[in-house]
Amino acid sequence: MEHRILITVAQDEIAPRFDLTTEVLLVTLSENDDLIARKSFLLAHASGDELCDLALSRDMGVIVCGAIEDEYYHYLRWKRIEVIDSVMGPVEEVISCLVQGKLKTGDILYQRTREKE
């Protein structure tokens, strides 16, 4: 069974807030977690309600986002959509973790660089 995932995006990173997102990436993974498809969407304006409608109309099973208000979180869970929230980092890192089956709520995926002393 395929996994359909909606990822909130802001400049190649996870958007900090669900309800202020104007760009999303729709990703489809195979049963074996291979990336099958990806499609970007730009929304006319930020709206948590419209994001919820988009997720439902596109039959998404998972949403990956930064912060999300309880109202949207509970509504999506009630609609049986898994919400992986409080995620921070580059979208490509998020997709990599999704493919590996390792992404979880609260993940911070920025690579730390050490300054030379």
N, C-alpha and C. Protein backbone atom coordinates (compact mmCIF):
# COMPACT_ATOMS: atom_id res chain seq x y z
N MET A 1 0.83 -1.19 0.00
CA MET A 1 0.00 0.00 0.00
C MET A 1 0.88 1.26 0.00
N GLU A 2 0.56 2.20 -0.83
CA GLU A 2 1.32 3.43 -0.92
C GLU A 2 1.07 4.33 0.29
N HIS A 3 2.08 5.14 0.60
CA HIS A 3 1.98 6.13 1.66
C HIS A 3 1.95 7.50 1.00
N ARG A 4 0.90 8.26 1.25
CA ARG A 4 0.78 9.60 0.69
C ARG A 4 1.01 10.61 1.80
N ILE A 5 1.99 11.50 1.58
CA ILE A 5 2.47 12.39 2.63
C ILE A 5 2.43 13.83 2.16
N LEU A 6 1.88 14.71 2.98
CA LEU A 6 1.88 16.15 2.73
C LEU A 6 2.92 16.78 3.65
N ILE A 7 3.85 17.54 3.07
CA ILE A 7 4.91 18.20 3.83
C ILE A 7 4.75 19.71 3.67
N THR A 8 4.67 20.44 4.78
CA THR A 8 4.58 21.90 4.70
C THR A 8 5.99 22.46 4.46
N VAL A 9 6.08 23.42 3.53
CA VAL A 9 7.40 23.91 3.09
C VAL A 9 7.49 25.43 3.18
N ALA A 10 8.67 25.91 3.54
CA ALA A 10 9.00 27.34 3.48
C ALA A 10 10.47 27.44 3.08
N GLN A 11 10.73 27.82 1.84
CA GLN A 11 12.10 27.99 1.34
C GLN A 11 12.97 26.76 1.57
N ASP A 12 12.56 25.63 1.08
CA ASP A 12 13.30 24.35 1.14
C ASP A 12 13.47 23.78 2.55
N GLU A 13 12.72 24.30 3.50
CA GLU A 13 12.72 23.76 4.86
C GLU A 13 11.28 23.52 5.29
N ILE A 14 11.12 22.80 6.39
CA ILE A 14 9.78 22.61 6.94
C ILE A 14 9.26 23.96 7.42
N ALA A 15 8.03 24.27 7.03
CA ALA A 15 7.43 25.55 7.44
C ALA A 15 7.28 25.58 8.96
N PRO A 16 7.59 26.70 9.58
CA PRO A 16 7.52 26.76 11.04
C PRO A 16 6.12 26.61 11.62
N ARG A 17 5.08 27.03 10.85
CA ARG A 17 3.71 26.92 11.35
C ARG A 17 2.79 26.37 10.27
N PHE A 18 1.97 25.40 10.63
CA PHE A 18 1.03 24.76 9.72
C PHE A 18 0.07 25.77 9.11
N ASP A 19 -0.53 26.62 9.95
CA ASP A 19 -1.57 27.53 9.48
C ASP A 19 -1.04 28.72 8.69
N LEU A 20 0.27 28.91 8.64
CA LEU A 20 0.86 30.02 7.87
C LEU A 20 1.58 29.52 6.61
N THR A 21 1.41 28.26 6.28
CA THR A 21 2.08 27.65 5.13
C THR A 21 1.39 28.05 3.83
N THR A 22 2.22 28.41 2.83
CA THR A 22 1.66 28.70 1.50
C THR A 22 2.24 27.76 0.44
N GLU A 23 3.13 26.85 0.84
CA GLU A 23 3.69 25.89 -0.10
C GLU A 23 3.71 24.51 0.55
N VAL A 24 3.31 23.50 -0.21
CA VAL A 24 3.36 22.13 0.29
C VAL A 24 3.98 21.22 -0.76
N LEU A 25 4.52 20.13 -0.29
CA LEU A 25 5.07 19.10 -1.15
C LEU A 25 4.28 17.82 -0.88
N LEU A 26 3.73 17.22 -1.93
CA LEU A 26 3.01 15.96 -1.81
C LEU A 26 3.95 14.86 -2.27
N VAL A 27 4.18 13.89 -1.40
CA VAL A 27 5.12 12.81 -1.67
C VAL A 27 4.38 11.48 -1.58
N THR A 28 4.69 10.58 -2.50
CA THR A 28 4.12 9.24 -2.47
C THR A 28 5.25 8.23 -2.34
N LEU A 29 5.16 7.38 -1.32
CA LEU A 29 6.14 6.31 -1.11
C LEU A 29 5.47 4.97 -1.37
N SER A 30 6.24 4.03 -1.90
CA SER A 30 5.72 2.68 -2.14
C SER A 30 5.65 1.91 -0.83
N GLU A 31 5.15 0.68 -0.90
CA GLU A 31 5.11 -0.19 0.28
C GLU A 31 6.50 -0.36 0.88
N ASN A 32 7.52 -0.38 0.01
CA ASN A 32 8.91 -0.57 0.46
C ASN A 32 9.58 0.75 0.79
N ASP A 33 8.79 1.82 0.91
CA ASP A 33 9.29 3.16 1.21
C ASP A 33 10.20 3.73 0.14
N ASP A 34 10.00 3.33 -1.12
CA ASP A 34 10.70 3.94 -2.25
C ASP A 34 9.91 5.16 -2.68
N LEU A 35 10.60 6.23 -3.03
CA LEU A 35 9.95 7.45 -3.49
C LEU A 35 9.37 7.23 -4.88
N ILE A 36 8.05 7.34 -5.00
CA ILE A 36 7.36 7.12 -6.28
C ILE A 36 7.11 8.45 -6.98
N ALA A 37 6.63 9.44 -6.24
CA ALA A 37 6.26 10.72 -6.85
C ALA A 37 6.40 11.85 -5.84
N ARG A 38 6.60 13.06 -6.37
CA ARG A 38 6.61 14.27 -5.55
C ARG A 38 6.07 15.41 -6.40
N LYS A 39 5.23 16.22 -5.77
CA LYS A 39 4.60 17.33 -6.49
C LYS A 39 4.47 18.51 -5.54
N SER A 40 4.88 19.69 -6.00
CA SER A 40 4.78 20.90 -5.20
C SER A 40 3.49 21.65 -5.52
N PHE A 41 2.93 22.28 -4.50
CA PHE A 41 1.74 23.11 -4.64
C PHE A 41 1.99 24.45 -3.97
N LEU A 42 1.59 25.52 -4.65
CA LEU A 42 1.58 26.84 -4.03
C LEU A 42 0.13 27.21 -3.76
N LEU A 43 -0.14 27.67 -2.55
CA LEU A 43 -1.49 28.07 -2.17
C LEU A 43 -1.64 29.57 -2.34
N ALA A 44 -2.83 30.02 -2.68
CA ALA A 44 -3.08 31.44 -2.90
C ALA A 44 -2.83 32.26 -1.63
N HIS A 45 -3.15 31.68 -0.49
CA HIS A 45 -2.92 32.33 0.79
C HIS A 45 -2.81 31.27 1.88
N ALA A 46 -2.25 31.66 3.00
CA ALA A 46 -2.08 30.72 4.12
C ALA A 46 -3.42 30.46 4.79
N SER A 47 -3.73 29.18 4.98
CA SER A 47 -4.97 28.81 5.65
C SER A 47 -4.88 27.38 6.16
N GLY A 48 -4.98 27.22 7.45
CA GLY A 48 -4.98 25.88 8.04
C GLY A 48 -6.16 25.06 7.56
N ASP A 49 -7.32 25.71 7.40
CA ASP A 49 -8.52 25.02 6.92
C ASP A 49 -8.31 24.49 5.51
N GLU A 50 -7.72 25.31 4.63
CA GLU A 50 -7.48 24.87 3.25
C GLU A 50 -6.45 23.74 3.19
N LEU A 51 -5.46 23.79 4.08
CA LEU A 51 -4.48 22.69 4.12
C LEU A 51 -5.15 21.39 4.53
N CYS A 52 -6.03 21.47 5.50
CA CYS A 52 -6.77 20.27 5.93
C CYS A 52 -7.62 19.74 4.77
N ASP A 53 -8.30 20.64 4.06
CA ASP A 53 -9.11 20.24 2.91
C ASP A 53 -8.27 19.61 1.82
N LEU A 54 -7.09 20.18 1.56
CA LEU A 54 -6.18 19.63 0.56
C LEU A 54 -5.74 18.22 0.95
N ALA A 55 -5.38 18.04 2.21
CA ALA A 55 -4.94 16.72 2.70
C ALA A 55 -6.06 15.69 2.52
N LEU A 56 -7.28 16.07 2.84
CA LEU A 56 -8.40 15.15 2.71
C LEU A 56 -8.74 14.87 1.25
N SER A 57 -8.74 15.90 0.41
CA SER A 57 -9.10 15.71 -1.00
C SER A 57 -8.06 14.90 -1.76
N ARG A 58 -6.81 14.94 -1.31
CA ARG A 58 -5.73 14.19 -1.96
C ARG A 58 -5.45 12.86 -1.27
N ASP A 59 -6.29 12.51 -0.30
CA ASP A 59 -6.18 11.22 0.40
C ASP A 59 -4.81 11.01 1.05
N MET A 60 -4.34 12.06 1.74
CA MET A 60 -3.06 11.98 2.42
C MET A 60 -3.19 11.12 3.69
N GLY A 61 -2.19 10.34 3.97
CA GLY A 61 -2.20 9.51 5.17
C GLY A 61 -1.35 10.09 6.28
N VAL A 62 -0.42 10.99 5.89
CA VAL A 62 0.52 11.58 6.85
C VAL A 62 0.72 13.04 6.50
N ILE A 63 0.84 13.88 7.53
CA ILE A 63 1.24 15.27 7.36
C ILE A 63 2.49 15.50 8.19
N VAL A 64 3.49 16.12 7.57
CA VAL A 64 4.72 16.50 8.27
C VAL A 64 4.74 18.02 8.33
N CYS A 65 4.88 18.56 9.53
CA CYS A 65 4.85 20.01 9.69
C CYS A 65 5.66 20.44 10.90
N GLY A 66 5.79 21.76 11.05
CA GLY A 66 6.39 22.33 12.24
C GLY A 66 5.32 22.41 13.32
N ALA A 67 5.12 23.60 13.84
CA ALA A 67 4.09 23.79 14.86
C ALA A 67 2.70 23.70 14.24
N ILE A 68 1.77 23.15 15.00
CA ILE A 68 0.38 23.03 14.53
C ILE A 68 -0.55 23.27 15.72
N GLU A 69 -1.59 24.05 15.50
CA GLU A 69 -2.55 24.32 16.56
C GLU A 69 -3.32 23.05 16.90
N ASP A 70 -3.70 22.92 18.16
CA ASP A 70 -4.44 21.74 18.62
C ASP A 70 -5.69 21.48 17.80
N GLU A 71 -6.39 22.54 17.42
CA GLU A 71 -7.62 22.42 16.65
C GLU A 71 -7.37 21.62 15.36
N TYR A 72 -6.33 21.98 14.61
CA TYR A 72 -6.02 21.28 13.36
C TYR A 72 -5.48 19.87 13.63
N TYR A 73 -4.63 19.76 14.64
CA TYR A 73 -4.05 18.47 14.98
C TYR A 73 -5.16 17.45 15.29
N HIS A 74 -6.07 17.82 16.16
CA HIS A 74 -7.13 16.89 16.57
C HIS A 74 -8.10 16.60 15.43
N TYR A 75 -8.37 17.59 14.60
CA TYR A 75 -9.24 17.36 13.44
C TYR A 75 -8.60 16.35 12.48
N LEU A 76 -7.33 16.53 12.17
CA LEU A 76 -6.64 15.62 11.26
C LEU A 76 -6.56 14.21 11.84
N ARG A 77 -6.28 14.11 13.13
CA ARG A 77 -6.22 12.79 13.78
C ARG A 77 -7.60 12.13 13.74
N TRP A 78 -8.65 12.92 13.95
CA TRP A 78 -10.02 12.42 13.89
C TRP A 78 -10.33 11.88 12.49
N LYS A 79 -9.74 12.51 11.47
CA LYS A 79 -9.91 12.06 10.09
C LYS A 79 -8.92 10.95 9.73
N ARG A 80 -8.24 10.43 10.74
CA ARG A 80 -7.30 9.31 10.59
C ARG A 80 -6.07 9.64 9.74
N ILE A 81 -5.62 10.88 9.83
CA ILE A 81 -4.38 11.29 9.19
C ILE A 81 -3.33 11.40 10.29
N GLU A 82 -2.21 10.71 10.10
CA GLU A 82 -1.11 10.78 11.06
C GLU A 82 -0.45 12.14 10.93
N VAL A 83 -0.15 12.78 12.05
CA VAL A 83 0.51 14.09 12.05
C VAL A 83 1.87 13.93 12.73
N ILE A 84 2.91 14.20 11.96
CA ILE A 84 4.27 14.22 12.50
C ILE A 84 4.64 15.70 12.60
N ASP A 85 4.51 16.25 13.80
CA ASP A 85 4.69 17.69 13.99
C ASP A 85 5.96 18.02 14.76
N SER A 86 6.18 19.32 14.90
CA SER A 86 7.36 19.86 15.59
C SER A 86 8.65 19.41 14.92
N VAL A 87 8.60 19.24 13.60
CA VAL A 87 9.76 18.84 12.82
C VAL A 87 10.43 20.10 12.28
N MET A 88 11.75 20.14 12.33
CA MET A 88 12.52 21.25 11.81
C MET A 88 13.64 20.71 10.94
N GLY A 89 13.92 21.40 9.83
CA GLY A 89 15.06 21.01 9.00
C GLY A 89 14.76 21.12 7.52
N PRO A 90 15.78 20.82 6.71
CA PRO A 90 15.62 20.87 5.25
C PRO A 90 14.67 19.78 4.75
N VAL A 91 13.87 20.12 3.75
CA VAL A 91 12.89 19.18 3.20
C VAL A 91 13.57 17.90 2.71
N GLU A 92 14.72 18.02 2.06
CA GLU A 92 15.39 16.82 1.53
C GLU A 92 15.80 15.87 2.65
N GLU A 93 16.21 16.41 3.80
CA GLU A 93 16.54 15.56 4.96
C GLU A 93 15.28 14.86 5.48
N VAL A 94 14.18 15.60 5.49
CA VAL A 94 12.91 15.03 5.94
C VAL A 94 12.51 13.87 5.03
N ILE A 95 12.59 14.08 3.73
CA ILE A 95 12.25 13.02 2.78
C ILE A 95 13.16 11.81 2.98
N SER A 96 14.44 12.06 3.17
CA SER A 96 15.39 10.97 3.41
C SER A 96 14.99 10.16 4.65
N CYS A 97 14.62 10.85 5.73
CA CYS A 97 14.19 10.15 6.95
C CYS A 97 12.88 9.40 6.72
N LEU A 98 11.97 9.98 5.94
CA LEU A 98 10.71 9.29 5.63
C LEU A 98 10.99 8.00 4.87
N VAL A 99 11.87 8.06 3.87
CA VAL A 99 12.20 6.88 3.06
C VAL A 99 12.83 5.80 3.94
N GLN A 100 13.61 6.21 4.93
CA GLN A 100 14.24 5.26 5.84
C GLN A 100 13.30 4.81 6.95
N GLY A 101 12.13 5.43 7.03
CA GLY A 101 11.18 5.09 8.08
C GLY A 101 11.59 5.58 9.45
N LYS A 102 12.40 6.65 9.50
CA LYS A 102 12.96 7.11 10.78
C LYS A 102 12.40 8.43 11.28
N LEU A 103 11.54 9.11 10.51
CA LEU A 103 11.06 10.42 10.93
C LEU A 103 10.05 10.29 12.05
N LYS A 104 10.20 11.14 13.08
CA LYS A 104 9.26 11.12 14.20
C LYS A 104 9.01 12.54 14.70
N THR A 105 7.95 12.71 15.42
CA THR A 105 7.58 14.01 15.97
C THR A 105 8.74 14.59 16.78
N GLY A 106 9.00 15.89 16.57
CA GLY A 106 10.02 16.59 17.32
C GLY A 106 11.42 16.50 16.73
N ASP A 107 11.59 15.83 15.59
CA ASP A 107 12.92 15.70 14.99
C ASP A 107 13.44 17.06 14.52
N ILE A 108 14.70 17.34 14.85
CA ILE A 108 15.40 18.53 14.37
C ILE A 108 16.53 18.00 13.49
N LEU A 109 16.46 18.30 12.20
CA LEU A 109 17.32 17.64 11.22
C LEU A 109 18.40 18.55 10.63
N TYR A 110 18.71 19.62 11.28
CA TYR A 110 19.79 20.47 10.79
C TYR A 110 21.12 19.80 11.12
N GLN A 111 22.04 19.85 10.16
CA GLN A 111 23.36 19.29 10.39
C GLN A 111 24.19 20.31 11.18
N ARG A 112 24.80 19.86 12.21
CA ARG A 112 25.64 20.76 13.00
C ARG A 112 27.03 20.82 12.38
N THR A 113 27.56 22.01 12.25
CA THR A 113 28.92 22.18 11.75
C THR A 113 29.76 22.77 12.86
N ARG A 114 30.96 22.25 12.98
CA ARG A 114 31.85 22.76 14.02
C ARG A 114 32.75 23.82 13.41
N GLU A 115 32.92 24.89 14.14
CA GLU A 115 33.83 25.94 13.69
C GLU A 115 35.24 25.49 14.00
N LYS A 116 36.15 25.81 13.08
CA LYS A 116 37.56 25.48 13.31
C LYS A 116 38.11 26.42 14.36
N GLU A 117 38.88 25.85 15.26
CA GLU A 117 39.44 26.67 16.34
C GLU A 117 40.75 27.25 15.94
